Amino acid sequence: MNLPIEDGVNAAMDLSKFGAGIGAGIVAIGAGLGIGKIGASANEGIARQPEAAGDIRGGSIILAALIEGVSLFAVVVTLLIALG
């Protein structure tokens, strides 16, 4: 079955948008899992050593911010690929 060139281009654009949506979803799931693991570990650490709560809290906030930055970058890349 031979498709006109325009139909093939439209099909490729549809697949790139679908792939970008899946990629953005995977990024969101990964970021959620990472931040959840940081929170669980921080709570466990504070429960074991309450005197170190400030240090543990500060470190976990920094790590969560780094994960958020990487996930935002990944979502922007997936959207640029879909539009490009």
C-alpha atoms as a PDB file:
ATOM      1  CA  MET A   1       0.000   0.000   0.000  1.00  0.00           C
ATOM      2  CA  ASN A   2       1.593   3.256  -1.125  1.00  0.00           C
ATOM      3  CA  LEU A   3       0.774   6.320   0.926  1.00  0.00           C
ATOM      4  CA  PRO A   4       1.217   9.832  -0.355  1.00  0.00           C
ATOM      5  CA  ILE A   5       4.191  11.619   1.197  1.00  0.00           C
ATOM      6  CA  GLU A   6       1.961  13.965   3.206  1.00  0.00           C
ATOM      7  CA  ASP A   7       0.264  11.030   4.959  1.00  0.00           C
ATOM      8  CA  GLY A   8       3.624   9.540   5.882  1.00  0.00           C
ATOM      9  CA  VAL A   9       4.835  12.835   7.337  1.00  0.00           C
ATOM     10  CA  ASN A  10       1.630  13.233   9.341  1.00  0.00           C
ATOM     11  CA  ALA A  11       1.945   9.669  10.654  1.00  0.00           C
ATOM     12  CA  ALA A  12       5.545  10.330  11.712  1.00  0.00           C
ATOM     13  CA  MET A  13       4.527  13.545  13.491  1.00  0.00           C
ATOM     14  CA  ASP A  14       1.738  11.696  15.285  1.00  0.00           C
ATOM     15  CA  LEU A  15       4.183   9.021  16.437  1.00  0.00           C
ATOM     16  CA  SER A  16       6.686  11.628  17.631  1.00  0.00           C
ATOM     17  CA  LYS A  17       3.989  13.322  19.729  1.00  0.00           C
ATOM     18  CA  PHE A  18       2.953   9.946  21.122  1.00  0.00           C
ATOM     19  CA  GLY A  19       6.557   9.134  21.981  1.00  0.00           C
ATOM     20  CA  ALA A  20       7.052  12.517  23.638  1.00  0.00           C
ATOM     21  CA  GLY A  21       3.965  11.935  25.762  1.00  0.00           C
ATOM     22  CA  ILE A  22       5.242   8.542  26.854  1.00  0.00           C
ATOM     23  CA  GLY A  23       8.683  10.013  27.576  1.00  0.00           C
ATOM     24  CA  ALA A  24       7.236  12.813  29.688  1.00  0.00           C
ATOM     25  CA  GLY A  25       5.153  10.292  31.606  1.00  0.00           C
ATOM     26  CA  ILE A  26       8.174   8.102  32.311  1.00  0.00           C
ATOM     27  CA  VAL A  27      10.092  11.145  33.520  1.00  0.00           C
ATOM     28  CA  ALA A  28       7.275  12.074  35.905  1.00  0.00           C
ATOM     29  CA  ILE A  29       7.108   8.535  37.285  1.00  0.00           C
ATOM     30  CA  GLY A  30      10.879   8.416  37.760  1.00  0.00           C
ATOM     31  CA  ALA A  31      10.952  11.780  39.521  1.00  0.00           C
ATOM     32  CA  GLY A  32       8.118  10.724  41.815  1.00  0.00           C
ATOM     33  CA  LEU A  33       9.887   7.493  42.720  1.00  0.00           C
ATOM     34  CA  GLY A  34      13.165   9.311  43.354  1.00  0.00           C
ATOM     35  CA  ILE A  35      11.658  11.984  45.573  1.00  0.00           C
ATOM     36  CA  GLY A  36       9.628   9.351  47.425  1.00  0.00           C
ATOM     37  CA  LYS A  37      12.771   7.359  48.125  1.00  0.00           C
ATOM     38  CA  ILE A  38      14.533  10.501  49.385  1.00  0.00           C
ATOM     39  CA  GLY A  39      11.611  11.271  51.706  1.00  0.00           C
ATOM     40  CA  ALA A  40      11.463   7.735  53.060  1.00  0.00           C
ATOM     41  CA  SER A  41      15.196   7.627  53.696  1.00  0.00           C
ATOM     42  CA  ALA A  42      15.168  11.065  55.325  1.00  0.00           C
ATOM     43  CA  ASN A  43      12.340  10.078  57.658  1.00  0.00           C
ATOM     44  CA  GLU A  44      14.131   6.869  58.593  1.00  0.00           C
ATOM     45  CA  GLY A  45      17.370   8.761  59.219  1.00  0.00           C
ATOM     46  CA  ILE A  46      15.647  11.363  61.383  1.00  0.00           C
ATOM     47  CA  ALA A  47      13.918   8.589  63.356  1.00  0.00           C
ATOM     48  CA  ARG A  48      17.269   6.932  64.010  1.00  0.00           C
ATOM     49  CA  GLN A  49      19.170  10.141  64.837  1.00  0.00           C
ATOM     50  CA  PRO A  50      16.839  12.976  65.795  1.00  0.00           C
ATOM     51  CA  GLU A  51      19.780  15.261  66.630  1.00  0.00           C
ATOM     52  CA  ALA A  52      20.822  15.241  62.952  1.00  0.00           C
ATOM     53  CA  ALA A  53      17.367  16.248  61.685  1.00  0.00           C
ATOM     54  CA  GLY A  54      18.496  19.638  60.352  1.00  0.00           C
ATOM     55  CA  ASP A  55      21.366  18.206  58.329  1.00  0.00           C
ATOM     56  CA  ILE A  56      19.259  15.375  56.948  1.00  0.00           C
ATOM     57  CA  ARG A  57      16.419  17.747  56.025  1.00  0.00           C
ATOM     58  CA  GLY A  58      18.765  20.160  54.258  1.00  0.00           C
ATOM     59  CA  GLY A  59      20.420  17.395  52.272  1.00  0.00           C
ATOM     60  CA  SER A  60      17.133  15.870  51.228  1.00  0.00           C
ATOM     61  CA  ILE A  61      15.784  19.235  50.046  1.00  0.00           C
ATOM     62  CA  ILE A  62      18.879  19.758  47.893  1.00  0.00           C
ATOM     63  CA  LEU A  63      18.606  16.261  46.410  1.00  0.00           C
ATOM     64  CA  ALA A  64      14.895  16.717  45.687  1.00  0.00           C
ATOM     65  CA  ALA A  65      15.644  20.012  43.918  1.00  0.00           C
ATOM     66  CA  LEU A  66      18.265  18.291  41.759  1.00  0.00           C
ATOM     67  CA  ILE A  67      15.790  15.583  40.789  1.00  0.00           C
ATOM     68  CA  GLU A  68      13.192  18.201  39.920  1.00  0.00           C
ATOM     69  CA  GLY A  69      15.713  20.056  37.745  1.00  0.00           C
ATOM     70  CA  VAL A  70      16.676  16.935  35.827  1.00  0.00           C
ATOM     71  CA  SER A  71      13.038  15.942  35.323  1.00  0.00           C
ATOM     72  CA  LEU A  72      12.135  19.415  34.067  1.00  0.00           C
ATOM     73  CA  PHE A  73      15.045  19.274  31.619  1.00  0.00           C
ATOM     74  CA  ALA A  74      13.905  15.850  30.384  1.00  0.00           C
ATOM     75  CA  VAL A  75      10.326  17.021  29.847  1.00  0.00           C
ATOM     76  CA  VAL A  76      11.545  20.052  27.883  1.00  0.00           C
ATOM     77  CA  VAL A  77      13.710  17.796  25.702  1.00  0.00           C
ATOM     78  CA  THR A  78      10.797  15.447  24.979  1.00  0.00           C
ATOM     79  CA  LEU A  79       8.563  18.368  24.031  1.00  0.00           C
ATOM     80  CA  LEU A  80      11.242  19.863  21.774  1.00  0.00           C
ATOM     81  CA  ILE A  81      11.652  16.534  20.023  1.00  0.00           C
ATOM     82  CA  ALA A  82       7.884  16.292  19.504  1.00  0.00           C
ATOM     83  CA  LEU A  83       7.671  19.771  18.026  1.00  0.00           C
ATOM     84  CA  GLY A  84      10.871  19.581  15.992  1.00  0.00           C
END
